[in-house]
């Protein structure tokens, strides 16, 4: 009996360890210590982000009114090793004038960016020159590309939409319409698979996260909530029981 008990304990510890190693980052929004502000030079009215309580649970609240700004994760991660991003979110409404295909409607009560880093070592001469000039102007390299998971105002025929602002960003509507507004929704995406589908090639290895609620184009207002966000591996491959 003692041997069986010790074997069970060991199995539990190994399983818990595997699960812990699977998750690279999880933020339950007890604070904003892991994040830094994301603002834009020509937009002076910013979205308000704050930690609020939902019972005993801490959540991130974002309020936007003809405004735009975001929060960027301070750390980067390797999307080849940790391609799975999961979160739980809620919006109180969608924008009446929102339209993912037009600049005038490119606003969302909630969105999650995956921002891929530019790597000069893997770029051609022309690209290095262009990004080098941008670094001189702004003090840092702009992103290589991005995936943008959105809560859209309506359904779209395409599963992936090119940003009306830049061909380097692709938008993926995960939720759409007002029917589910006011309800929590859980998302789980495979960034690596989505990038290949969106751009037709492998992504850069290093990426970061951003959360945003914006309404600068439509001049509308909305409130969004994020319960948690998590970055993880696809999970350990489990042996078939017959082989153990």
Protein backbone atom coordinates (compact mmCIF):
# COMPACT_ATOMS: atom_id res chain seq x y z
CA UNK A 1 0.00 0.00 0.00
CA UNK A 2 2.84 2.38 0.87
CA UNK A 3 4.50 1.69 -2.50
CA UNK A 4 1.23 2.38 -4.33
CA UNK A 5 0.74 5.63 -2.38
CA UNK A 6 4.25 6.85 -3.19
CA UNK A 7 3.77 5.97 -6.86
CA UNK A 8 0.54 8.00 -6.95
CA UNK A 9 2.25 10.98 -5.31
CA UNK A 10 5.15 10.82 -7.76
CA UNK A 11 2.76 10.60 -10.71
CA UNK A 12 0.84 13.63 -9.43
CA UNK A 13 4.03 15.67 -8.99
CA UNK A 14 5.22 14.83 -12.48
CA UNK A 15 1.86 15.74 -13.98
CA UNK A 16 1.70 19.05 -12.08
CA UNK A 17 5.26 19.84 -13.14
CA UNK A 18 4.41 19.17 -16.79
CA UNK A 19 1.37 21.45 -16.57
CA UNK A 20 3.42 24.21 -14.92
CA UNK A 21 6.11 23.97 -17.62
CA UNK A 22 3.38 24.11 -20.27
CA UNK A 23 2.27 27.60 -19.20
CA UNK A 24 4.86 30.29 -19.91
CA UNK A 25 2.83 33.26 -18.69
CA UNK A 26 -0.56 33.79 -17.07
CA UNK A 27 -1.89 37.10 -15.80
CA UNK A 28 -5.05 37.13 -13.66
CA UNK A 29 -4.89 40.94 -13.51
CA UNK A 30 -4.23 41.42 -9.83
CA UNK A 31 -2.14 44.38 -11.03
CA UNK A 32 -0.75 45.88 -14.24
CA UNK A 33 2.88 45.22 -13.33
CA UNK A 34 3.45 43.02 -16.40
CA UNK A 35 2.23 45.67 -18.85
CA UNK A 36 3.31 49.03 -20.27
CA UNK A 37 1.18 51.67 -22.04
CA UNK A 38 0.78 51.56 -25.81
CA UNK A 39 -0.08 54.98 -27.28
CA UNK A 40 -0.10 56.51 -30.75
CA UNK A 41 1.47 59.89 -31.70
CA UNK A 42 -1.60 61.46 -33.32
CA UNK A 43 -4.19 60.17 -30.83
CA UNK A 44 -4.34 62.28 -27.67
CA UNK A 45 -7.42 60.77 -26.00
CA UNK A 46 -6.56 57.45 -24.43
CA UNK A 47 -8.55 54.44 -23.32
CA UNK A 48 -8.74 54.10 -19.52
CA UNK A 49 -7.46 50.80 -18.11
CA UNK A 50 -7.92 49.83 -14.49
CA UNK A 51 -8.08 46.79 -12.22
CA UNK A 52 -11.54 46.27 -10.72
CA UNK A 53 -13.16 43.59 -8.60
CA UNK A 54 -15.80 41.12 -9.75
CA UNK A 55 -16.68 39.59 -6.41
CA UNK A 56 -13.36 38.31 -5.09
CA UNK A 57 -11.91 38.13 -8.60
CA UNK A 58 -9.67 40.85 -10.09
CA UNK A 59 -10.30 41.78 -13.72
CA UNK A 60 -9.03 44.33 -16.20
CA UNK A 61 -11.57 46.98 -17.22
CA UNK A 62 -11.07 49.07 -20.37
CA UNK A 63 -13.26 52.10 -21.11
CA UNK A 64 -12.97 53.89 -24.45
CA UNK A 65 -14.81 56.99 -25.66
CA UNK A 66 -13.55 58.37 -28.99
CA UNK A 67 -10.16 57.19 -27.75
CA UNK A 68 -7.40 54.69 -28.48
CA UNK A 69 -4.51 53.21 -26.52
CA UNK A 70 -3.49 49.79 -25.31
CA UNK A 71 -1.37 47.76 -22.96
CA UNK A 72 1.68 45.83 -24.15
CA UNK A 73 3.21 42.88 -22.34
CA UNK A 74 6.71 43.84 -21.21
CA UNK A 75 8.19 40.43 -22.03
CA UNK A 76 8.49 38.63 -25.36
CA UNK A 77 8.01 34.92 -25.98
CA UNK A 78 8.95 32.33 -28.61
CA UNK A 79 5.84 31.51 -30.63
CA UNK A 80 7.39 28.30 -31.97
CA UNK A 81 7.70 26.97 -28.41
CA UNK A 82 4.62 28.65 -26.93
CA UNK A 83 2.06 29.17 -29.70
CA UNK A 84 -1.16 28.93 -27.68
CA UNK A 85 -2.76 32.09 -26.28
CA UNK A 86 -5.96 31.91 -24.23
CA UNK A 87 -8.08 34.55 -22.52
CA UNK A 88 -11.54 35.34 -21.18
CA UNK A 89 -13.22 38.59 -22.21
CA UNK A 90 -16.51 40.48 -22.25
CA UNK A 91 -17.83 43.66 -23.92
CA UNK A 92 -20.89 45.71 -23.08
CA UNK A 93 -21.58 46.60 -26.71
CA UNK A 94 -20.20 46.65 -30.25
CA UNK A 95 -19.80 49.78 -32.36
CA UNK A 96 -22.66 50.71 -34.70
CA UNK A 97 -20.24 52.22 -37.24
CA UNK A 98 -17.58 49.52 -36.89
CA UNK A 99 -16.30 47.91 -40.09
CA UNK A 100 -13.10 45.85 -40.17
CA UNK A 101 -12.64 46.51 -43.91
CA UNK A 102 -12.51 50.32 -43.67
CA UNK A 103 -10.26 52.82 -41.89
CA UNK A 104 -13.31 54.76 -40.71
CA UNK A 105 -14.69 51.64 -39.01
CA UNK A 106 -11.46 50.10 -37.71
CA UNK A 107 -12.48 50.20 -34.03
CA UNK A 108 -13.24 47.36 -31.62
CA UNK A 109 -14.43 47.30 -28.03
CA UNK A 110 -11.83 44.60 -27.40
CA UNK A 111 -8.90 43.12 -29.28
CA UNK A 112 -5.78 41.11 -28.58
CA UNK A 113 -2.66 41.71 -30.66
CA UNK A 114 0.19 39.28 -31.23
CA UNK A 115 3.07 41.54 -32.25
CA UNK A 116 5.98 39.84 -34.05
CA UNK A 117 9.46 41.31 -33.71
CA UNK A 118 11.53 42.38 -36.68
CA UNK A 119 14.89 40.54 -36.83
CA UNK A 120 17.52 42.41 -38.92
CA UNK A 121 19.62 39.24 -39.13
CA UNK A 122 16.92 37.55 -41.19
CA UNK A 123 16.00 40.50 -43.43
CA UNK A 124 17.14 41.44 -46.92
CA UNK A 125 19.08 44.60 -47.72
CA UNK A 126 16.03 46.67 -48.72
CA UNK A 127 14.07 45.68 -45.63
CA UNK A 128 17.04 46.39 -43.35
CA UNK A 129 17.39 49.87 -44.86
CA UNK A 130 13.68 50.63 -44.40
CA UNK A 131 13.58 49.39 -40.81
CA UNK A 132 16.89 51.10 -40.04
CA UNK A 133 15.42 54.45 -41.11
CA UNK A 134 12.34 53.84 -38.96
CA UNK A 135 14.56 53.12 -35.97
CA UNK A 136 16.42 56.41 -36.47
CA UNK A 137 13.13 58.30 -36.56
CA UNK A 138 11.34 56.56 -33.67
CA UNK A 139 14.16 55.13 -31.56
CA UNK A 140 13.22 51.48 -32.08
CA UNK A 141 12.30 49.04 -34.81
CA UNK A 142 8.62 48.86 -35.75
CA UNK A 143 6.99 45.43 -35.58
CA UNK A 144 7.62 42.91 -38.33
CA UNK A 145 3.92 42.01 -38.52
CA UNK A 146 0.93 41.30 -36.30
CA UNK A 147 -2.15 39.18 -35.78
CA UNK A 148 -5.15 41.00 -34.42
CA UNK A 149 -7.91 38.99 -32.75
CA UNK A 150 -11.01 41.18 -32.67
CA UNK A 151 -14.52 41.40 -31.28
CA UNK A 152 -16.15 42.75 -34.45
CA UNK A 153 -19.46 44.57 -34.83
CA UNK A 154 -20.72 42.11 -37.46
CA UNK A 155 -19.89 38.84 -39.18
CA UNK A 156 -17.51 38.85 -42.13
CA UNK A 157 -17.28 36.44 -45.03
CA UNK A 158 -13.53 36.04 -44.56
CA UNK A 159 -11.94 34.33 -41.57
CA UNK A 160 -8.85 36.54 -42.00
CA UNK A 161 -9.06 40.23 -42.99
CA UNK A 162 -6.18 42.42 -44.06
CA UNK A 163 -5.97 45.60 -42.00
CA UNK A 164 -7.18 48.67 -43.92
CA UNK A 165 -4.11 50.49 -42.55
CA UNK A 166 -1.29 48.06 -43.36
CA UNK A 167 -0.66 44.80 -45.19
CA UNK A 168 1.59 43.77 -42.30
CA UNK A 169 -1.39 43.20 -40.00
CA UNK A 170 -4.13 40.60 -40.30
CA UNK A 171 -7.36 40.66 -38.33
CA UNK A 172 -9.17 37.53 -37.19
CA UNK A 173 -12.75 38.03 -35.94
CA UNK A 174 -13.34 35.68 -33.02
CA UNK A 175 -16.63 37.24 -31.89
CA UNK A 176 -19.06 39.42 -33.79
CA UNK A 177 -22.31 41.23 -33.25
CA UNK A 178 -24.20 42.34 -30.17
CA UNK A 179 -25.92 39.03 -29.38
CA UNK A 180 -23.20 37.91 -26.98
CA UNK A 181 -22.44 41.37 -25.57
CA UNK A 182 -22.56 41.33 -21.80
CA UNK A 183 -21.53 37.68 -21.62
CA UNK A 184 -18.11 36.25 -20.83
CA UNK A 185 -16.43 34.36 -23.69
CA UNK A 186 -13.35 32.16 -23.55
CA UNK A 187 -10.87 32.12 -26.45
CA UNK A 188 -7.97 29.80 -27.24
CA UNK A 189 -5.92 30.39 -30.39
CA UNK A 190 -2.91 28.78 -32.02
CA UNK A 191 -0.78 31.74 -33.07
CA UNK A 192 1.58 29.66 -35.20
CA UNK A 193 -1.21 28.06 -37.23
CA UNK A 194 -3.08 31.35 -37.57
CA UNK A 195 0.01 33.19 -38.82
CA UNK A 196 0.63 30.56 -41.50
CA UNK A 197 -3.00 30.82 -42.57
CA UNK A 198 -2.94 34.62 -42.56
CA UNK A 199 0.44 35.27 -44.20
CA UNK A 200 1.21 31.97 -45.93
CA UNK A 201 4.60 31.56 -44.25
CA UNK A 202 6.35 30.97 -40.95
CA UNK A 203 6.32 33.86 -38.44
CA UNK A 204 9.32 35.41 -36.72
CA UNK A 205 10.12 33.52 -33.52
CA UNK A 206 9.83 36.38 -31.03
CA UNK A 207 6.53 38.08 -30.26
CA UNK A 208 4.70 40.00 -27.59
CA UNK A 209 1.09 40.63 -26.59
CA UNK A 210 -1.06 43.73 -26.55
CA UNK A 211 -4.59 44.33 -25.32
CA UNK A 212 -6.59 47.20 -26.71
CA UNK A 213 -10.01 48.85 -26.76
CA UNK A 214 -10.31 51.69 -29.26
CA UNK A 215 -12.98 54.00 -30.68
CA UNK A 216 -11.06 56.90 -32.22
CA UNK A 217 -12.41 56.32 -35.75
CA UNK A 218 -16.07 55.77 -34.91
CA UNK A 219 -16.17 58.22 -31.95
CA UNK A 220 -18.32 55.74 -30.02
CA UNK A 221 -17.87 54.38 -26.51
CA UNK A 222 -17.68 50.92 -24.95
CA UNK A 223 -16.45 49.03 -21.92
CA UNK A 224 -14.54 45.76 -22.12
CA UNK A 225 -13.30 43.34 -19.47
CA UNK A 226 -10.48 40.79 -19.43
CA UNK A 227 -10.48 38.10 -16.75
CA UNK A 228 -7.11 36.53 -17.57
CA UNK A 229 -4.67 35.96 -20.42
CA UNK A 230 -2.28 33.05 -20.79
CA UNK A 231 0.56 31.92 -23.08
CA UNK A 232 1.36 28.21 -23.23
CA UNK A 233 2.77 25.35 -25.26
CA UNK A 234 0.48 22.97 -27.10
CA UNK A 235 0.93 20.50 -24.23
CA UNK A 236 3.09 17.43 -23.67
CA UNK A 237 2.48 14.40 -25.85
CA UNK A 238 1.11 11.69 -23.62
CA UNK A 239 2.19 8.11 -24.08
CA UNK A 240 -0.41 5.52 -24.91
CA UNK A 241 -1.33 3.62 -21.75
CA UNK A 242 -0.50 0.33 -23.44
CA UNK A 243 3.10 1.47 -23.95
CA UNK A 244 3.72 2.44 -20.34
